[in-house]
């Protein structure tokens, strides 16, 4: 089903993570071979650490970018509420739906990126002092090398799985962010096109007077207000500026 596949694509529906398969290590029989194994595993461990750091940095960058764009995108709310109340109701509903979908994808991208920063959900394994403090610890160089190799094999498999899960969150965040940006572009184009169909909004400071008998001027002092040289007309438009001064306009 398309909707289910799409929800999987953006991470609304996730599969349960599988348990890490622990591999076993057969101890080396000579020291030189054990040293080669250990050097190889240390290089892999270093690469996994760098990979984890890179994923976390990219997720932090994604959070910052998505948060900024979401804040800017939220400025469209008063535009939709105040400026588009005169357009066709169906067009307004369509724009509102697109707006909510885009906003939801931006928020979802932030949500996925934040998951990577929840360190309690991604416990990493590393070498421990227990290796040399336990009673059955290695007592010769070859045995210790084999023990260290076994620890690295176990931690590498586990840490790789943790990095894969973090990388999955980054992929989902990038998908949602990309879809939201595409939707933002479509919404912007629709708003520009819709602006041509909006009726011209009248000046809110303009007052239309059609009954001159009810026209009264009130002042706070004893000076009487007079209207002189009033032209003969059926309708009068009065526009008041910020100082309270009135301008008279003939009705067109």
Protein backbone atom coordinates (compact mmCIF):
# COMPACT_ATOMS: atom_id res chain seq x y z
CA UNK A 1 0.00 0.00 0.00
CA UNK A 2 1.33 3.41 -0.99
CA UNK A 3 0.55 5.18 2.28
CA UNK A 4 2.25 2.50 4.34
CA UNK A 5 5.33 2.56 2.10
CA UNK A 6 5.44 6.34 2.33
CA UNK A 7 5.17 6.23 6.12
CA UNK A 8 8.07 3.78 6.14
CA UNK A 9 9.98 6.08 3.82
CA UNK A 10 9.72 9.07 6.18
CA UNK A 11 10.03 7.08 9.39
CA UNK A 12 6.49 7.33 10.75
CA UNK A 13 6.47 3.54 10.78
CA UNK A 14 9.69 1.80 11.79
CA UNK A 15 10.65 -1.83 11.92
CA UNK A 16 11.82 -3.16 15.24
CA UNK A 17 15.64 -3.20 15.42
CA UNK A 18 17.15 -6.64 15.33
CA UNK A 19 19.41 -7.92 18.05
CA UNK A 20 23.13 -7.76 17.39
CA UNK A 21 24.61 -11.10 16.45
CA UNK A 22 27.66 -11.70 18.62
CA UNK A 23 30.51 -13.32 16.75
CA UNK A 24 32.97 -15.63 18.43
CA UNK A 25 36.73 -15.41 18.07
CA UNK A 26 39.01 -18.39 17.91
CA UNK A 27 42.22 -17.49 19.78
CA UNK A 28 45.39 -17.08 17.75
CA UNK A 29 48.11 -19.66 18.29
CA UNK A 30 51.11 -17.34 17.90
CA UNK A 31 51.89 -13.83 19.05
CA UNK A 32 52.74 -12.33 15.64
CA UNK A 33 49.39 -13.33 14.20
CA UNK A 34 47.57 -12.02 17.26
CA UNK A 35 49.33 -8.66 16.90
CA UNK A 36 48.21 -8.44 13.26
CA UNK A 37 44.63 -9.23 14.27
CA UNK A 38 44.77 -6.60 17.01
CA UNK A 39 46.13 -3.88 14.71
CA UNK A 40 43.42 -4.61 12.17
CA UNK A 41 40.65 -4.46 14.77
CA UNK A 42 42.02 -1.24 16.28
CA UNK A 43 41.84 0.36 12.84
CA UNK A 44 38.22 -0.75 12.47
CA UNK A 45 37.44 0.57 15.94
CA UNK A 46 38.99 3.93 15.06
CA UNK A 47 36.92 4.11 11.86
CA UNK A 48 33.70 3.36 13.74
CA UNK A 49 34.46 6.10 16.27
CA UNK A 50 35.04 8.60 13.47
CA UNK A 51 31.88 7.45 11.74
CA UNK A 52 29.82 7.92 14.91
CA UNK A 53 31.22 11.42 15.43
CA UNK A 54 30.46 12.36 11.81
CA UNK A 55 26.87 11.12 12.07
CA UNK A 56 26.29 13.06 15.29
CA UNK A 57 27.73 16.26 13.76
CA UNK A 58 25.54 15.93 10.68
CA UNK A 59 22.47 15.35 12.83
CA UNK A 60 23.28 18.45 14.89
CA UNK A 61 23.64 20.45 11.68
CA UNK A 62 20.32 19.07 10.44
CA UNK A 63 18.60 20.16 13.66
CA UNK A 64 19.94 23.70 13.28
CA UNK A 65 18.98 24.02 9.62
CA UNK A 66 15.52 22.53 10.06
CA UNK A 67 14.82 24.71 13.11
CA UNK A 68 15.75 27.90 11.24
CA UNK A 69 13.71 27.00 8.17
CA UNK A 70 10.74 25.98 10.34
CA UNK A 71 10.82 29.34 12.12
CA UNK A 72 10.85 31.17 8.79
CA UNK A 73 8.13 28.92 7.42
CA UNK A 74 5.93 29.66 10.44
CA UNK A 75 5.76 33.29 9.27
CA UNK A 76 3.30 32.10 6.62
CA UNK A 77 0.66 31.52 9.30
CA UNK A 78 -0.46 35.18 9.63
CA UNK A 79 -0.26 35.48 5.84
CA UNK A 80 -2.69 32.62 5.38
CA UNK A 81 -5.00 33.88 8.13
CA UNK A 82 -5.08 37.62 7.39
CA UNK A 83 -4.23 38.12 3.74
CA UNK A 84 -5.95 35.16 2.12
CA UNK A 85 -9.41 35.42 3.66
CA UNK A 86 -10.82 36.81 0.43
CA UNK A 87 -9.73 34.05 -1.94
CA UNK A 88 -11.76 31.00 -2.87
CA UNK A 89 -12.42 28.78 0.14
CA UNK A 90 -11.31 25.65 -1.72
CA UNK A 91 -8.01 27.25 -2.65
CA UNK A 92 -7.54 28.40 0.93
CA UNK A 93 -8.18 24.87 2.21
CA UNK A 94 -5.70 23.49 -0.31
CA UNK A 95 -3.02 25.96 0.72
CA UNK A 96 -3.67 25.22 4.38
CA UNK A 97 -3.34 21.46 3.82
CA UNK A 98 -0.06 21.90 1.96
CA UNK A 99 1.16 24.22 4.71
CA UNK A 100 0.39 21.66 7.44
CA UNK A 101 1.99 18.82 5.48
CA UNK A 102 5.17 20.81 4.89
CA UNK A 103 5.31 21.96 8.50
CA UNK A 104 4.82 18.37 9.66
CA UNK A 105 7.75 17.18 7.55
CA UNK A 106 10.01 19.92 8.93
CA UNK A 107 9.09 18.94 12.48
CA UNK A 108 9.55 15.26 11.64
CA UNK A 109 13.05 15.93 10.31
CA UNK A 110 13.93 17.63 13.61
CA UNK A 111 12.44 14.70 15.53
CA UNK A 112 14.52 12.11 13.66
CA UNK A 113 17.71 14.14 14.04
CA UNK A 114 17.17 14.62 17.77
CA UNK A 115 16.88 10.85 18.28
CA UNK A 116 20.58 10.51 17.55
CA UNK A 117 21.46 12.89 20.39
CA UNK A 118 19.62 10.77 22.97
CA UNK A 119 22.72 8.99 24.21
CA UNK A 120 20.81 6.67 26.53
CA UNK A 121 19.22 4.99 23.50
CA UNK A 122 22.59 4.15 21.94
CA UNK A 123 24.86 2.51 24.52
CA UNK A 124 28.33 1.92 23.12
CA UNK A 125 30.66 -0.81 24.25
CA UNK A 126 34.36 -0.39 24.83
CA UNK A 127 37.22 -2.20 26.49
CA UNK A 128 36.90 -2.43 30.26
CA UNK A 129 39.22 -2.74 33.24
CA UNK A 130 37.43 -5.96 34.08
CA UNK A 131 39.63 -7.61 31.46
CA UNK A 132 42.65 -7.22 33.74
CA UNK A 133 40.95 -7.28 37.15
CA UNK A 134 38.92 -10.47 36.90
CA UNK A 135 40.26 -13.61 38.52
CA UNK A 136 40.64 -15.60 35.30
CA UNK A 137 42.51 -12.82 33.52
CA UNK A 138 45.25 -13.60 31.04
CA UNK A 139 48.65 -14.27 32.56
CA UNK A 140 50.82 -14.26 29.45
CA UNK A 141 51.21 -11.97 26.45
CA UNK A 142 49.51 -14.20 23.90
CA UNK A 143 46.52 -14.85 26.14
CA UNK A 144 46.14 -11.13 26.82
CA UNK A 145 46.30 -10.33 23.10
CA UNK A 146 43.59 -12.89 22.43
CA UNK A 147 41.44 -11.45 25.23
CA UNK A 148 41.84 -7.92 23.84
CA UNK A 149 40.96 -9.16 20.37
CA UNK A 150 37.84 -10.86 21.71
CA UNK A 151 36.77 -7.64 23.45
CA UNK A 152 37.24 -5.64 20.26
CA UNK A 153 35.28 -8.15 18.18
CA UNK A 154 32.33 -7.92 20.56
CA UNK A 155 32.40 -4.12 20.86
CA UNK A 156 32.89 -3.54 17.13
CA UNK A 157 29.80 -5.53 16.17
CA UNK A 158 27.70 -3.74 18.77
CA UNK A 159 29.03 -0.24 18.00
CA UNK A 160 28.56 -0.74 14.28
CA UNK A 161 24.90 -1.51 14.92
CA UNK A 162 24.54 1.64 17.04
CA UNK A 163 26.10 3.76 14.28
CA UNK A 164 23.83 2.13 11.70
CA UNK A 165 20.78 3.11 13.75
CA UNK A 166 22.06 6.67 14.11
CA UNK A 167 22.76 6.79 10.40
CA UNK A 168 19.23 5.57 9.75
CA UNK A 169 17.86 8.48 11.75
CA UNK A 170 19.99 10.86 9.71
CA UNK A 171 18.69 9.37 6.46
CA UNK A 172 15.07 9.74 7.62
CA UNK A 173 15.69 13.33 8.74
CA UNK A 174 17.26 14.19 5.37
CA UNK A 175 14.31 12.64 3.50
CA UNK A 176 11.74 14.62 5.49
CA UNK A 177 13.77 17.81 5.10
CA UNK A 178 14.05 17.31 1.35
CA UNK A 179 10.31 16.65 0.95
CA UNK A 180 9.49 19.69 3.11
CA UNK A 181 11.73 21.95 1.01
CA UNK A 182 10.06 20.70 -2.16
CA UNK A 183 6.63 21.33 -0.64
CA UNK A 184 7.74 24.78 0.52
CA UNK A 185 8.64 25.66 -3.07
CA UNK A 186 5.24 24.46 -4.34
CA UNK A 187 3.42 26.41 -1.62
CA UNK A 188 5.35 29.57 -2.47
CA UNK A 189 4.45 29.28 -6.16
CA UNK A 190 0.78 28.71 -5.33
CA UNK A 191 0.73 31.75 -3.05
CA UNK A 192 2.29 33.92 -5.76
CA UNK A 193 -0.27 32.69 -8.29
CA UNK A 194 -3.14 33.13 -5.81
CA UNK A 195 -2.11 36.72 -5.17
CA UNK A 196 -3.31 37.63 -8.68
CA UNK A 197 -6.82 36.45 -7.83
CA UNK A 198 -7.15 38.32 -4.55
CA UNK A 199 -9.49 41.31 -4.45
CA UNK A 200 -7.89 44.64 -3.75
CA UNK A 201 -8.11 45.28 -0.04
CA UNK A 202 -9.44 48.67 0.98
CA UNK A 203 -7.53 51.00 3.24
CA UNK A 204 -8.64 50.18 6.82
CA UNK A 205 -8.33 53.88 7.72
CA UNK A 206 -10.82 54.94 5.08
CA UNK A 207 -14.40 55.73 6.20
CA UNK A 208 -17.29 55.95 3.74
CA UNK A 209 -20.02 58.45 4.63
CA UNK A 210 -23.34 58.23 2.77
CA UNK A 211 -25.66 60.12 5.14
CA UNK A 212 -24.40 63.67 5.69
CA UNK A 213 -27.18 64.47 8.17
CA UNK A 214 -25.60 62.07 10.67
CA UNK A 215 -22.07 63.40 10.14
CA UNK A 216 -20.77 64.91 13.39
CA UNK A 217 -17.34 66.19 14.33
CA UNK A 218 -16.32 65.98 17.98
CA UNK A 219 -13.39 67.89 19.46
CA UNK A 220 -11.95 67.96 22.97
CA UNK A 221 -11.91 71.78 23.18
CA UNK A 222 -14.48 74.53 22.67
CA UNK A 223 -13.50 75.15 19.08
CA UNK A 224 -16.26 74.29 16.67
CA UNK A 225 -15.38 72.13 13.74
CA UNK A 226 -16.72 73.30 10.42
CA UNK A 227 -16.75 71.73 7.03
CA UNK A 228 -16.30 74.39 4.36
CA UNK A 229 -16.47 74.24 0.61
CA UNK A 230 -18.14 70.87 0.81
CA UNK A 231 -18.78 69.72 -2.77
CA UNK A 232 -22.15 68.36 -3.70
CA UNK A 233 -21.98 64.58 -3.75
CA UNK A 234 -23.85 61.54 -2.52
CA UNK A 235 -20.91 59.78 -0.91
CA UNK A 236 -17.86 61.06 0.91
CA UNK A 237 -14.70 59.15 1.81
CA UNK A 238 -12.73 60.28 4.85
CA UNK A 239 -9.27 58.86 5.46
CA UNK A 240 -7.55 59.46 8.80
CA UNK A 241 -3.80 59.31 9.24
CA UNK A 242 -1.86 58.52 12.42
CA UNK A 243 -2.12 62.12 13.66
CA UNK A 244 -5.91 62.14 13.45
CA UNK A 245 -6.02 64.47 10.44
CA UNK A 246 -8.70 63.71 7.90
CA UNK A 247 -8.49 63.86 4.14
CA UNK A 248 -11.57 64.08 1.96
CA UNK A 249 -11.85 62.02 -1.21
CA UNK A 250 -14.61 62.02 -3.74
CA UNK A 251 -16.22 58.71 -4.38
CA UNK A 252 -15.20 57.34 -7.73
